């Protein structure tokens, strides 16, 4: 049989990439990256310069189309593969990343009269400005005893669909009314390719509280939040929800020409980026936990039954692998914390030293931090630079470092930050186990495991578990390509199921990270101290971190009012 291929399109936080994959063995033939021209908009809107408030994170939907029209043709040109040999396309995406669209599927921010309205734009997954709405959702759901709440660890996140939609309704009701639907960005991109509006069970289940049998939260609960939300599910969230592996549609002639592919190519229902790494690692049976480690960290665990777990991001039947319950937990920042330290807090002499040694700054810090034993720095940190996703589910929490002295070195702080994220992961693993779920194997994928060996050894030592690492550098794209192959089907050179695809295409490195017993013993002591800090600062509803944030926001509001008054005064004759 002639060779067949699939393309996995991986939409990350700052860029998108297309990866062409050989369906016989999962080899990556070619890849192409497109950096989003508008990036992440945290301070102001493009062109108009309209300023955004704290905790906002928006994106431009046109950037997503650029990935389709640049990166997909890019891999075809680089590989020399005939477009007709590409039988399927899969898409993975950050989530919950949503946008309001009109009745033609056009993003509201594309309407000229709405381009200066922040709520008309894409809300990226790390848009945390809906925390007040999330707090109210959790309060009302708990009071009513809503059955969906335990499936999400007892709390819904400000990152998710309902909180973001309610924020739009409260702050820009006209935008809410103009929106025909609110879509996950993955579903919107697939609509652009196929002309068919579908919703992914993965996206809907984990981020919009949809359940395979019960559907979305009921109208009674939605009305209790706000009478205007009563019919949200059947109006602005309407549309059939399709399971993973389903063919969402086929590539239209117009998009095929733009993407350099053949019309009629199968397009799979979308999957969350981190979740796509599970089949790509071959982790398709219960007890296997995958850590997708990048700017943030997502933890995916397969189970044989549904159990409540504190602070989990959700459990969805068939949400990752058919026949299993897929559990999701996560940390709101991982690589972002290390990048913040290097970009915003590192002494200049370190960058100069790294340049003199012809190495990058992260490598310089990793090399020197490796010389320290666990506990030698005297530092301990809470990894909450972007809030806490699991197990506390609170975007109003913030980072903390304890133990700094005048003798503290940059590499010591760097190591403490690496350790903090490892402690956060252990907290999640322990919570799963304490809830009656087995965690038998740990796998890691994403950008961090192949960039930072010290980080992975620390994770092995802190968790006291062996960690297997993906052989692929583009695991989400590989997983997405697998689902593209399933959408194509066996009769067209793909696969009948994702389990069959994983058996042939999954790729795990032969090198693993094994825990050091002495290091693990020290980290057990440090973890106990981490847990004390975690509970003191994280479980106190009126805690110091939240008070500091409230003072900051009030000061910024007053400063903004003063600036506005000054601008008006300048206009006076």
Protein backbone atom coordinates (compact mmCIF):
# COMPACT_ATOMS: atom_id res chain seq x y z
CA UNK A 1 0.00 0.00 0.00
CA UNK A 2 1.26 3.48 -0.83
CA UNK A 3 2.44 5.64 2.04
CA UNK A 4 -0.13 7.86 3.69
CA UNK A 5 0.31 10.86 5.94
CA UNK A 6 -1.60 13.12 8.28
CA UNK A 7 -0.98 16.67 9.40
CA UNK A 8 -1.25 17.69 13.03
CA UNK A 9 -1.85 21.40 13.56
CA UNK A 10 -0.81 22.49 17.05
CA UNK A 11 -2.09 25.87 18.23
CA UNK A 12 -0.06 27.05 21.22
CA UNK A 13 -0.06 30.25 23.24
CA UNK A 14 2.38 32.24 21.10
CA UNK A 15 2.59 30.31 17.84
CA UNK A 16 1.07 27.54 15.76
CA UNK A 17 2.82 24.73 13.95
CA UNK A 18 1.98 22.11 11.38
CA UNK A 19 3.69 18.71 11.51
CA UNK A 20 3.51 16.17 8.69
CA UNK A 21 3.50 12.61 10.07
CA UNK A 22 4.05 9.22 8.43
CA UNK A 23 1.10 7.04 9.43
CA UNK A 24 3.13 3.85 9.25
CA UNK A 25 5.30 4.62 12.29
CA UNK A 26 4.64 8.15 13.55
CA UNK A 27 7.84 9.64 12.11
CA UNK A 28 7.68 13.40 11.74
CA UNK A 29 8.58 14.22 8.16
CA UNK A 30 8.42 18.01 8.25
CA UNK A 31 7.30 20.86 10.50
CA UNK A 32 6.69 24.56 10.09
CA UNK A 33 6.06 27.20 12.77
CA UNK A 34 4.09 30.42 12.41
CA UNK A 35 4.52 32.96 15.18
CA UNK A 36 1.26 34.80 15.84
CA UNK A 37 1.74 38.32 14.44
CA UNK A 38 -0.33 39.85 17.27
CA UNK A 39 0.93 37.53 20.00
CA UNK A 40 -0.89 37.63 23.32
CA UNK A 41 -2.65 40.94 23.89
CA UNK A 42 -2.42 41.72 27.61
CA UNK A 43 -2.03 45.50 27.58
CA UNK A 44 -3.89 46.94 24.60
CA UNK A 45 -5.86 46.10 21.47
CA UNK A 46 -4.14 46.22 18.08
CA UNK A 47 -4.39 49.36 15.95
CA UNK A 48 -6.77 51.26 18.26
CA UNK A 49 -4.53 51.02 21.33
CA UNK A 50 -7.51 50.57 23.65
CA UNK A 51 -5.98 49.58 26.99
CA UNK A 52 -6.85 46.33 28.74
CA UNK A 53 -7.35 45.86 32.46
CA UNK A 54 -5.22 43.55 34.63
CA UNK A 55 -5.56 39.78 34.06
CA UNK A 56 -6.79 40.15 30.49
CA UNK A 57 -5.33 37.96 27.73
CA UNK A 58 -6.72 38.26 24.21
CA UNK A 59 -5.75 37.03 20.76
CA UNK A 60 -6.47 37.81 17.12
CA UNK A 61 -8.38 35.10 15.19
CA UNK A 62 -6.59 36.12 12.02
CA UNK A 63 -3.39 34.74 13.53
CA UNK A 64 -4.95 31.28 13.59
CA UNK A 65 -5.75 31.45 9.90
CA UNK A 66 -2.14 32.44 9.19
CA UNK A 67 -1.05 29.06 10.57
CA UNK A 68 -3.31 27.25 8.09
CA UNK A 69 -2.14 29.26 5.10
CA UNK A 70 1.57 29.40 5.96
CA UNK A 71 2.53 26.37 8.01
CA UNK A 72 0.48 23.72 6.22
CA UNK A 73 1.81 24.63 2.73
CA UNK A 74 5.23 24.92 4.40
CA UNK A 75 5.36 21.25 5.40
CA UNK A 76 4.14 20.12 2.00
CA UNK A 77 6.87 22.11 0.25
CA UNK A 78 9.57 20.96 2.67
CA UNK A 79 8.65 17.29 2.41
CA UNK A 80 7.85 16.96 -1.27
CA UNK A 81 4.91 14.74 -0.29
CA UNK A 82 2.01 14.78 -2.72
CA UNK A 83 -1.03 16.51 -1.19
CA UNK A 84 -3.17 13.53 -2.23
CA UNK A 85 -1.17 11.33 0.18
CA UNK A 86 -2.31 13.44 3.13
CA UNK A 87 -5.47 11.64 4.21
CA UNK A 88 -6.29 13.44 7.44
CA UNK A 89 -5.88 16.64 9.43
CA UNK A 90 -6.07 16.92 13.21
CA UNK A 91 -6.13 20.10 15.29
CA UNK A 92 -5.10 20.59 18.90
CA UNK A 93 -5.61 23.94 20.62
CA UNK A 94 -5.16 25.75 23.91
CA UNK A 95 -8.35 25.77 25.95
CA UNK A 96 -10.47 27.34 27.14
CA UNK A 97 -9.80 29.83 24.32
CA UNK A 98 -13.13 31.24 23.12
CA UNK A 99 -14.55 33.80 20.75
CA UNK A 100 -17.99 35.28 20.02
CA UNK A 101 -19.16 34.91 16.41
CA UNK A 102 -22.11 36.16 14.38
CA UNK A 103 -24.64 33.94 12.61
CA UNK A 104 -22.18 33.45 9.73
CA UNK A 105 -19.38 32.34 12.02
CA UNK A 106 -17.51 35.64 11.62
CA UNK A 107 -15.70 36.76 14.80
CA UNK A 108 -17.31 39.86 16.25
CA UNK A 109 -13.93 41.60 16.42
CA UNK A 110 -13.88 41.53 12.59
CA UNK A 111 -16.87 43.89 12.54
CA UNK A 112 -15.41 47.41 12.12
CA UNK A 113 -17.72 48.93 14.72
CA UNK A 114 -16.63 46.35 17.32
CA UNK A 115 -12.88 46.20 16.80
CA UNK A 116 -12.27 48.61 19.70
CA UNK A 117 -14.39 46.51 22.07
CA UNK A 118 -12.19 44.12 24.09
CA UNK A 119 -15.01 41.63 24.68
CA UNK A 120 -15.41 41.12 20.93
CA UNK A 121 -11.97 39.49 20.68
CA UNK A 122 -10.69 36.00 21.42
CA UNK A 123 -10.27 35.32 25.14
CA UNK A 124 -7.14 33.22 25.53
CA UNK A 125 -7.01 30.35 28.02
CA UNK A 126 -5.01 32.47 30.47
CA UNK A 127 -7.51 35.32 30.53
CA UNK A 128 -8.15 35.47 34.29
CA UNK A 129 -10.31 38.57 34.52
CA UNK A 130 -13.46 36.51 35.13
CA UNK A 131 -12.44 35.36 38.62
CA UNK A 132 -15.31 37.24 40.27
CA UNK A 133 -17.76 35.43 38.01
CA UNK A 134 -16.07 32.09 38.75
CA UNK A 135 -16.33 32.72 42.49
CA UNK A 136 -20.05 33.43 42.16
CA UNK A 137 -20.59 30.37 39.96
CA UNK A 138 -18.93 28.16 42.55
CA UNK A 139 -20.88 29.71 45.42
CA UNK A 140 -24.26 29.26 43.75
CA UNK A 141 -23.48 25.78 42.43
CA UNK A 142 -22.42 24.65 45.90
CA UNK A 143 -25.53 26.13 47.54
CA UNK A 144 -27.77 24.40 45.01
CA UNK A 145 -25.88 21.12 45.19
CA UNK A 146 -25.39 21.05 41.43
CA UNK A 147 -24.39 17.53 40.32
CA UNK A 148 -21.80 18.76 37.84
CA UNK A 149 -19.67 20.46 40.50
CA UNK A 150 -17.97 17.32 41.91
CA UNK A 151 -16.86 16.36 38.39
CA UNK A 152 -14.72 19.52 38.40
CA UNK A 153 -13.15 19.14 41.82
CA UNK A 154 -15.73 21.31 43.54
CA UNK A 155 -14.74 24.49 41.68
CA UNK A 156 -15.07 25.88 38.18
CA UNK A 157 -12.20 27.99 36.88
CA UNK A 158 -12.15 31.58 35.70
CA UNK A 159 -10.40 30.22 32.60
CA UNK A 160 -13.48 28.31 31.45
CA UNK A 161 -16.40 29.00 29.15
CA UNK A 162 -19.15 29.87 31.64
CA UNK A 163 -17.15 32.43 33.64
CA UNK A 164 -15.87 34.13 30.48
CA UNK A 165 -19.31 34.28 28.89
CA UNK A 166 -20.83 35.68 32.07
CA UNK A 167 -18.12 38.33 32.21
CA UNK A 168 -19.07 39.40 28.68
CA UNK A 169 -22.75 39.55 29.63
CA UNK A 170 -22.03 41.62 32.72
CA UNK A 171 -19.55 44.08 31.22
CA UNK A 172 -20.67 44.25 27.58
CA UNK A 173 -24.27 43.04 27.30
CA UNK A 174 -24.56 44.35 23.74
CA UNK A 175 -21.63 42.14 22.70
CA UNK A 176 -23.34 39.19 24.36
CA UNK A 177 -26.53 39.91 22.42
CA UNK A 178 -24.65 40.32 19.13
CA UNK A 179 -22.98 36.93 19.58
CA UNK A 180 -24.85 34.17 17.79
CA UNK A 181 -22.60 31.60 19.47
CA UNK A 182 -19.58 31.35 21.67
CA UNK A 183 -17.07 28.90 20.20
CA UNK A 184 -13.86 27.29 21.28
CA UNK A 185 -11.14 28.52 18.94
CA UNK A 186 -10.47 24.92 17.86
CA UNK A 187 -14.08 24.50 16.76
CA UNK A 188 -13.92 27.82 14.90
CA UNK A 189 -10.74 26.86 13.01
CA UNK A 190 -12.28 23.53 12.01
CA UNK A 191 -15.37 25.40 10.81
CA UNK A 192 -13.12 27.56 8.63
CA UNK A 193 -11.63 24.41 7.07
CA UNK A 194 -14.81 22.40 6.59
CA UNK A 195 -17.70 24.84 6.51
CA UNK A 196 -19.37 22.72 9.22
CA UNK A 197 -19.99 23.95 12.75
CA UNK A 198 -19.15 21.19 15.23
CA UNK A 199 -18.26 21.08 18.90
CA UNK A 200 -15.61 18.81 20.38
CA UNK A 201 -16.56 16.58 23.31
CA UNK A 202 -13.07 17.20 24.72
CA UNK A 203 -13.43 20.98 24.69
CA UNK A 204 -17.08 20.96 25.76
CA UNK A 205 -16.55 18.39 28.48
CA UNK A 206 -13.50 19.88 30.16
CA UNK A 207 -14.11 23.58 29.60
CA UNK A 208 -17.88 24.09 29.23
CA UNK A 209 -19.08 21.54 31.82
CA UNK A 210 -20.85 19.37 29.24
CA UNK A 211 -21.59 15.76 30.24
CA UNK A 212 -22.03 12.79 27.91
CA UNK A 213 -25.47 11.98 29.37
CA UNK A 214 -26.56 15.11 31.27
CA UNK A 215 -25.45 17.76 28.76
CA UNK A 216 -24.61 21.30 29.93
CA UNK A 217 -25.59 22.73 33.33
CA UNK A 218 -29.37 23.12 33.37
CA UNK A 219 -31.42 26.27 32.74
CA UNK A 220 -32.43 26.45 36.41
CA UNK A 221 -28.82 26.84 37.49
CA UNK A 222 -28.01 29.26 34.68
CA UNK A 223 -31.05 31.36 35.58
CA UNK A 224 -29.90 31.42 39.21
CA UNK A 225 -26.65 32.97 38.01
CA UNK A 226 -28.39 35.56 35.85
CA UNK A 227 -31.87 35.37 34.29
CA UNK A 228 -30.35 36.39 30.96
CA UNK A 229 -28.26 33.19 30.96
CA UNK A 230 -31.22 30.84 31.35
CA UNK A 231 -31.23 29.65 27.73
CA UNK A 232 -27.47 29.87 27.12
CA UNK A 233 -27.02 26.15 26.44
CA UNK A 234 -29.67 25.87 23.73
CA UNK A 235 -28.85 29.21 22.11
CA UNK A 236 -25.29 30.47 22.24
CA UNK A 237 -23.75 27.09 23.10
CA UNK A 238 -25.95 25.15 20.70
CA UNK A 239 -24.55 22.63 18.26
CA UNK A 240 -23.97 18.89 18.25
CA UNK A 241 -21.10 17.67 20.39
CA UNK A 242 -18.96 15.05 18.65
CA UNK A 243 -16.58 12.54 20.29
CA UNK A 244 -12.85 12.52 19.61
CA UNK A 245 -11.85 10.63 16.49
CA UNK A 246 -14.99 11.71 14.67
CA UNK A 247 -14.62 13.28 11.25
CA UNK A 248 -15.85 16.85 11.65
CA UNK A 249 -15.99 17.29 7.89
CA UNK A 250 -13.83 17.51 4.82
CA UNK A 251 -11.57 20.27 3.56
CA UNK A 252 -13.47 22.66 1.29
CA UNK A 253 -12.12 23.46 -2.16
CA UNK A 254 -11.43 27.06 -1.12
CA UNK A 255 -9.42 26.10 1.96
CA UNK A 256 -7.69 23.25 0.16
CA UNK A 257 -6.29 25.76 -2.32
CA UNK A 258 -5.10 28.07 0.46
CA UNK A 259 -3.53 25.22 2.42
CA UNK A 260 -1.99 23.38 -0.52
CA UNK A 261 -3.94 20.19 0.13
CA UNK A 262 -6.51 18.11 -1.71
CA UNK A 263 -10.22 18.97 -1.39
CA UNK A 264 -12.11 16.38 0.61
CA UNK A 265 -9.25 15.65 3.04
CA UNK A 266 -10.74 14.40 6.32
CA UNK A 267 -10.64 16.86 9.24
CA UNK A 268 -10.97 15.50 12.78
CA UNK A 269 -12.87 17.01 15.67
CA UNK A 270 -10.49 19.17 17.73
CA UNK A 271 -8.72 18.19 20.94
CA UNK A 272 -7.13 20.23 23.74
CA UNK A 273 -3.39 20.57 23.13
CA UNK A 274 -2.21 18.84 26.29
CA UNK A 275 -4.70 16.01 25.88
CA UNK A 276 -3.36 15.21 22.43
CA UNK A 277 -0.09 14.14 24.04
CA UNK A 278 -1.71 11.15 25.74
CA UNK A 279 -2.09 8.89 22.67
CA UNK A 280 1.18 10.26 21.25
CA UNK A 281 2.93 8.71 24.28
CA UNK A 282 0.99 5.47 24.03
CA UNK A 283 -0.60 6.14 27.44
CA UNK A 284 -3.96 4.62 26.50
CA UNK A 285 -4.82 2.54 29.61
CA UNK A 286 -5.85 3.47 33.19
CA UNK A 287 -3.17 4.42 35.72
CA UNK A 288 -0.96 6.33 33.30
CA UNK A 289 -0.45 10.05 34.01
CA UNK A 290 0.87 12.39 31.32
CA UNK A 291 2.41 15.75 32.18
CA UNK A 292 2.26 18.18 29.27
CA UNK A 293 4.95 20.64 30.25
CA UNK A 294 5.22 24.00 28.54
CA UNK A 295 4.28 27.55 29.48
CA UNK A 296 1.82 25.88 31.86
CA UNK A 297 1.60 22.25 32.98
CA UNK A 298 -1.36 19.98 32.37
CA UNK A 299 -1.79 16.59 34.06
CA UNK A 300 -3.88 13.96 32.30
CA UNK A 301 -4.74 10.69 34.03
CA UNK A 302 -6.79 7.81 32.66
CA UNK A 303 -9.12 6.00 35.04
CA UNK A 304 -11.56 3.11 34.86
CA UNK A 305 -14.33 4.88 36.78
CA UNK A 306 -15.58 8.33 37.70
CA UNK A 307 -14.50 9.64 41.10
CA UNK A 308 -14.58 13.14 42.66
CA UNK A 309 -11.13 14.69 43.06
CA UNK A 310 -10.45 18.01 44.81
CA UNK A 311 -9.43 20.76 42.44
CA UNK A 312 -9.32 18.68 39.29
CA UNK A 313 -10.14 20.53 36.10
CA UNK A 314 -12.62 17.86 35.13
CA UNK A 315 -13.34 14.22 34.49
CA UNK A 316 -14.88 13.41 31.11
CA UNK A 317 -15.98 10.00 29.96
CA UNK A 318 -14.23 9.22 26.65
CA UNK A 319 -12.68 12.69 27.00
CA UNK A 320 -9.22 11.57 25.88
CA UNK A 321 -9.32 7.85 25.07
CA UNK A 322 -12.59 6.02 24.31
CA UNK A 323 -13.50 3.59 27.07
CA UNK A 324 -11.65 5.51 29.80
CA UNK A 325 -12.49 8.39 32.09
CA UNK A 326 -10.04 11.19 31.40
CA UNK A 327 -9.04 13.25 34.44
CA UNK A 328 -7.43 16.67 34.01
CA UNK A 329 -5.57 18.77 36.54
CA UNK A 330 -2.94 21.42 36.03
CA UNK A 331 -0.64 24.23 37.04
CA UNK A 332 -1.34 27.66 35.58
CA UNK A 333 2.34 28.38 35.03
CA UNK A 334 5.44 26.29 34.47
CA UNK A 335 7.78 27.52 31.79
CA UNK A 336 6.20 30.96 32.12
CA UNK A 337 7.66 31.22 35.64
CA UNK A 338 11.17 30.40 34.45
CA UNK A 339 10.79 32.83 31.54
CA UNK A 340 9.56 35.56 33.91
CA UNK A 341 12.63 35.14 36.08
CA UNK A 342 15.02 35.30 33.14
CA UNK A 343 13.27 38.20 31.43
CA UNK A 344 12.22 40.33 34.38
CA UNK A 345 14.27 39.55 37.49
CA UNK A 346 17.69 38.25 36.49
CA UNK A 347 20.81 40.35 37.15
CA UNK A 348 22.48 41.66 34.03
CA UNK A 349 25.79 40.02 34.85
CA UNK A 350 24.24 36.57 34.39
CA UNK A 351 23.21 37.36 30.84
CA UNK A 352 26.67 38.74 30.14
CA UNK A 353 28.29 35.60 31.58
CA UNK A 354 26.05 33.35 29.50
CA UNK A 355 26.91 35.30 26.35
CA UNK A 356 30.62 35.09 27.16
CA UNK A 357 30.31 31.30 27.46
CA UNK A 358 28.31 31.15 24.23
CA UNK A 359 25.30 29.55 25.91
CA UNK A 360 21.71 30.60 26.51
CA UNK A 361 20.71 31.99 29.88
CA UNK A 362 18.51 29.03 30.83
CA UNK A 363 21.37 26.64 30.09
CA UNK A 364 23.77 28.75 32.17
CA UNK A 365 21.38 28.75 35.11
CA UNK A 366 20.62 25.04 34.77
CA UNK A 367 24.33 24.19 34.75
CA UNK A 368 25.04 26.11 37.93
CA UNK A 369 21.83 25.10 39.70
CA UNK A 370 22.77 21.46 39.08
CA UNK A 371 25.71 21.84 41.46
CA UNK A 372 23.37 22.27 44.44
CA UNK A 373 21.96 19.41 46.49
CA UNK A 374 18.28 19.37 47.45
CA UNK A 375 17.80 21.75 50.36
CA UNK A 376 21.18 23.44 49.91
CA UNK A 377 19.73 26.73 48.67
CA UNK A 378 17.62 27.23 51.79
CA UNK A 379 14.79 28.43 49.54
CA UNK A 380 11.21 27.31 49.07
CA UNK A 381 8.69 28.77 46.63
CA UNK A 382 4.99 28.56 45.84
CA UNK A 383 4.49 28.21 42.06
CA UNK A 384 1.52 30.56 41.79
CA UNK A 385 2.86 33.27 39.47
CA UNK A 386 -0.27 32.83 37.34
CA UNK A 387 -2.62 31.74 40.13
CA UNK A 388 -3.33 28.15 41.15
CA UNK A 389 -5.28 25.83 38.90
CA UNK A 390 -5.09 22.57 40.89
CA UNK A 391 -5.90 21.84 43.57
CA UNK A 392 -7.03 25.22 44.89
CA UNK A 393 -8.55 26.61 41.67
CA UNK A 394 -7.90 30.26 42.49
CA UNK A 395 -6.52 32.78 40.01
CA UNK A 396 -6.19 35.40 42.75
CA UNK A 397 -3.25 33.62 44.37
CA UNK A 398 0.30 34.75 43.57
CA UNK A 399 3.90 33.57 43.74
CA UNK A 400 6.04 33.41 46.87
CA UNK A 401 9.70 32.73 47.70
CA UNK A 402 10.79 32.05 51.29
CA UNK A 403 14.37 32.01 52.56
CA UNK A 404 16.03 34.80 50.56
CA UNK A 405 19.14 36.39 52.08
CA UNK A 406 21.79 38.85 50.95
CA UNK A 407 23.90 35.84 49.96
CA UNK A 408 21.27 34.24 47.67
CA UNK A 409 22.52 33.63 44.13
CA UNK A 410 20.46 33.79 40.90
CA UNK A 411 20.97 30.10 40.21
CA UNK A 412 19.63 29.27 43.68
CA UNK A 413 16.42 31.16 42.97
CA UNK A 414 16.20 29.44 39.59
CA UNK A 415 16.51 26.02 41.22
CA UNK A 416 13.88 26.95 43.82
CA UNK A 417 11.47 27.85 41.02
CA UNK A 418 12.09 24.52 39.29
CA UNK A 419 11.48 22.72 42.57
CA UNK A 420 8.30 24.71 43.23
CA UNK A 421 6.65 23.47 40.05
CA UNK A 422 7.70 19.91 40.94
CA UNK A 423 6.10 20.26 44.38
CA UNK A 424 2.93 21.53 42.68
CA UNK A 425 2.88 18.43 40.50
CA UNK A 426 3.38 16.16 43.51
CA UNK A 427 0.43 17.85 45.22
CA UNK A 428 -1.70 16.91 42.21
CA UNK A 429 -0.43 13.31 42.07
CA UNK A 430 -1.03 12.87 45.81
CA UNK A 431 -4.55 14.28 45.47
CA UNK A 432 -5.40 11.82 42.69
CA UNK A 433 -4.13 8.91 44.79
CA UNK A 434 -5.88 10.08 47.96
CA UNK A 435 -9.11 10.14 45.95
CA UNK A 436 -8.80 6.45 45.09
CA UNK A 437 -7.25 6.69 41.63
CA UNK A 438 -4.18 4.68 40.70
CA UNK A 439 -1.13 6.52 39.36
CA UNK A 440 1.21 3.80 38.16
CA UNK A 441 3.33 5.51 35.52
CA UNK A 442 4.43 9.08 34.79
CA UNK A 443 5.06 10.38 31.29
CA UNK A 444 6.25 13.83 30.24
CA UNK A 445 5.93 15.71 26.97
CA UNK A 446 6.01 19.28 25.72
CA UNK A 447 8.82 21.79 25.35
CA UNK A 448 10.35 21.58 28.84
CA UNK A 449 11.29 17.87 29.21
CA UNK A 450 13.66 17.94 26.25
CA UNK A 451 15.18 21.30 27.17
CA UNK A 452 15.97 20.98 30.87
CA UNK A 453 17.41 17.74 32.27
CA UNK A 454 17.77 19.19 35.76
CA UNK A 455 14.05 20.00 35.84
CA UNK A 456 13.11 16.43 34.95
CA UNK A 457 15.48 14.91 37.51
CA UNK A 458 13.99 17.17 40.17
CA UNK A 459 10.50 15.97 39.17
CA UNK A 460 11.63 12.33 39.47
CA UNK A 461 13.17 13.00 42.88
CA UNK A 462 10.25 15.05 44.23
CA UNK A 463 7.61 12.53 43.10
CA UNK A 464 9.93 9.57 43.83
CA UNK A 465 8.86 8.03 40.53
CA UNK A 466 10.48 7.12 37.23
CA UNK A 467 9.48 9.47 34.44
CA UNK A 468 9.29 8.46 30.78
CA UNK A 469 9.73 11.22 28.22
CA UNK A 470 8.29 11.61 24.74
CA UNK A 471 10.68 10.95 21.89
CA UNK A 472 8.82 13.51 19.81
CA UNK A 473 9.46 17.21 20.32
CA UNK A 474 6.00 17.93 18.91
CA UNK A 475 3.85 15.53 20.91
CA UNK A 476 0.54 17.46 20.72
CA UNK A 477 0.87 17.76 16.94
CA UNK A 478 1.67 14.04 16.70
CA UNK A 479 -1.42 13.21 18.75
CA UNK A 480 -3.54 15.53 16.65
CA UNK A 481 -2.23 13.83 13.50
CA UNK A 482 -3.24 10.47 15.01
CA UNK A 483 -6.81 11.72 15.40
CA UNK A 484 -6.64 12.97 11.80
CA UNK A 485 -5.72 9.44 10.77
CA UNK A 486 -8.69 8.06 12.70
CA UNK A 487 -10.98 10.62 11.05
CA UNK A 488 -9.75 9.39 7.67
CA UNK A 489 -10.43 5.77 8.60
CA UNK A 490 -8.63 2.53 7.81
CA UNK A 491 -10.10 2.29 4.30
CA UNK A 492 -8.32 5.50 3.31
CA UNK A 493 -4.96 4.58 4.82
CA UNK A 494 -5.66 5.78 8.36
CA UNK A 495 -6.75 3.86 11.44
CA UNK A 496 -10.04 2.57 12.81
CA UNK A 497 -9.39 3.67 16.42
CA UNK A 498 -7.01 5.89 18.33
CA UNK A 499 -5.73 2.87 20.28
CA UNK A 500 -4.70 1.21 17.02
CA UNK A 501 -3.04 4.42 15.88
CA UNK A 502 -1.13 4.72 19.16
CA UNK A 503 0.13 1.14 18.90
CA UNK A 504 1.88 2.02 15.62
CA UNK A 505 2.65 5.72 15.96
CA UNK A 506 3.36 6.52 19.65
CA UNK A 507 6.97 7.40 20.42
CA UNK A 508 8.68 7.27 23.85
CA UNK A 509 12.39 7.89 24.47
CA UNK A 510 14.53 5.02 25.73
CA UNK A 511 16.10 7.38 28.27
CA UNK A 512 14.11 7.84 31.48
CA UNK A 513 14.59 9.81 34.70
CA UNK A 514 14.86 7.64 37.79
CA UNK A 515 14.59 9.03 41.35
CA UNK A 516 17.62 9.24 43.61
CA UNK A 517 16.69 7.81 47.03
CA UNK A 518 18.76 10.31 49.02
CA UNK A 519 17.39 13.26 47.08
CA UNK A 520 13.85 11.97 47.44
CA UNK A 521 14.25 11.78 51.24
CA UNK A 522 15.29 15.44 51.45
CA UNK A 523 12.50 16.49 49.13
CA UNK A 524 10.00 14.69 51.36
CA UNK A 525 11.01 17.10 54.15
CA UNK A 526 10.80 20.13 51.87
CA UNK A 527 7.45 18.99 50.51
CA UNK A 528 6.02 18.97 54.02
CA UNK A 529 7.07 22.61 54.37
CA UNK A 530 5.66 23.37 50.90
CA UNK A 531 2.34 21.90 52.01
CA UNK A 532 2.30 24.15 55.08
CA UNK A 533 2.80 27.23 52.89
CA UNK A 534 0.32 25.89 50.33
CA UNK A 535 -2.44 25.52 52.91
CA UNK A 536 -1.67 28.70 54.85
CA UNK A 537 -1.69 31.03 51.84
CA UNK A 538 -4.03 29.02 49.61
CA UNK A 539 -6.89 27.96 51.86
CA UNK A 540 -7.33 31.26 53.75
CA UNK A 541 -10.21 32.96 51.91
CA UNK A 542 -9.19 36.42 53.15
CA UNK A 543 -5.49 35.90 52.83
CA UNK A 544 -2.59 38.26 52.30
CA UNK A 545 -2.17 37.49 48.59
CA UNK A 546 -5.74 38.45 47.79
CA UNK A 547 -5.54 41.61 49.88
CA UNK A 548 -2.38 42.68 48.05
CA UNK A 549 -4.08 42.10 44.71
CA UNK A 550 -7.15 44.07 45.79
CA UNK A 551 -4.98 47.03 46.88
CA UNK A 552 -3.12 46.89 43.56
CA UNK A 553 -6.33 46.90 41.52
CA UNK A 554 -7.79 49.77 43.53
CA UNK A 555 -4.60 51.79 43.07
CA UNK A 556 -4.59 51.15 39.33
CA UNK A 557 -8.22 52.23 39.06
CA UNK A 558 -7.48 55.46 40.92
CA UNK A 559 -4.38 56.05 38.81
CA UNK A 560 -6.40 55.51 35.66
CA UNK A 561 -9.04 57.99 36.83
CA UNK A 562 -6.38 60.57 37.56
CA UNK A 563 -4.81 60.04 34.12
CA UNK A 564 -8.20 60.46 32.46
CA UNK A 565 -8.81 63.71 34.37
CA UNK A 566 -5.40 64.97 33.34
CA UNK A 567 -6.09 64.22 29.68
CA UNK A 568 -9.38 66.10 29.85
CA UNK A 569 -7.62 69.06 31.51
CA UNK A 570 -5.05 69.14 28.71
CA UNK A 571 -7.85 69.61 26.20
CA UNK A 572 -9.18 72.73 27.91
CA UNK A 573 -8.26 76.07 26.27
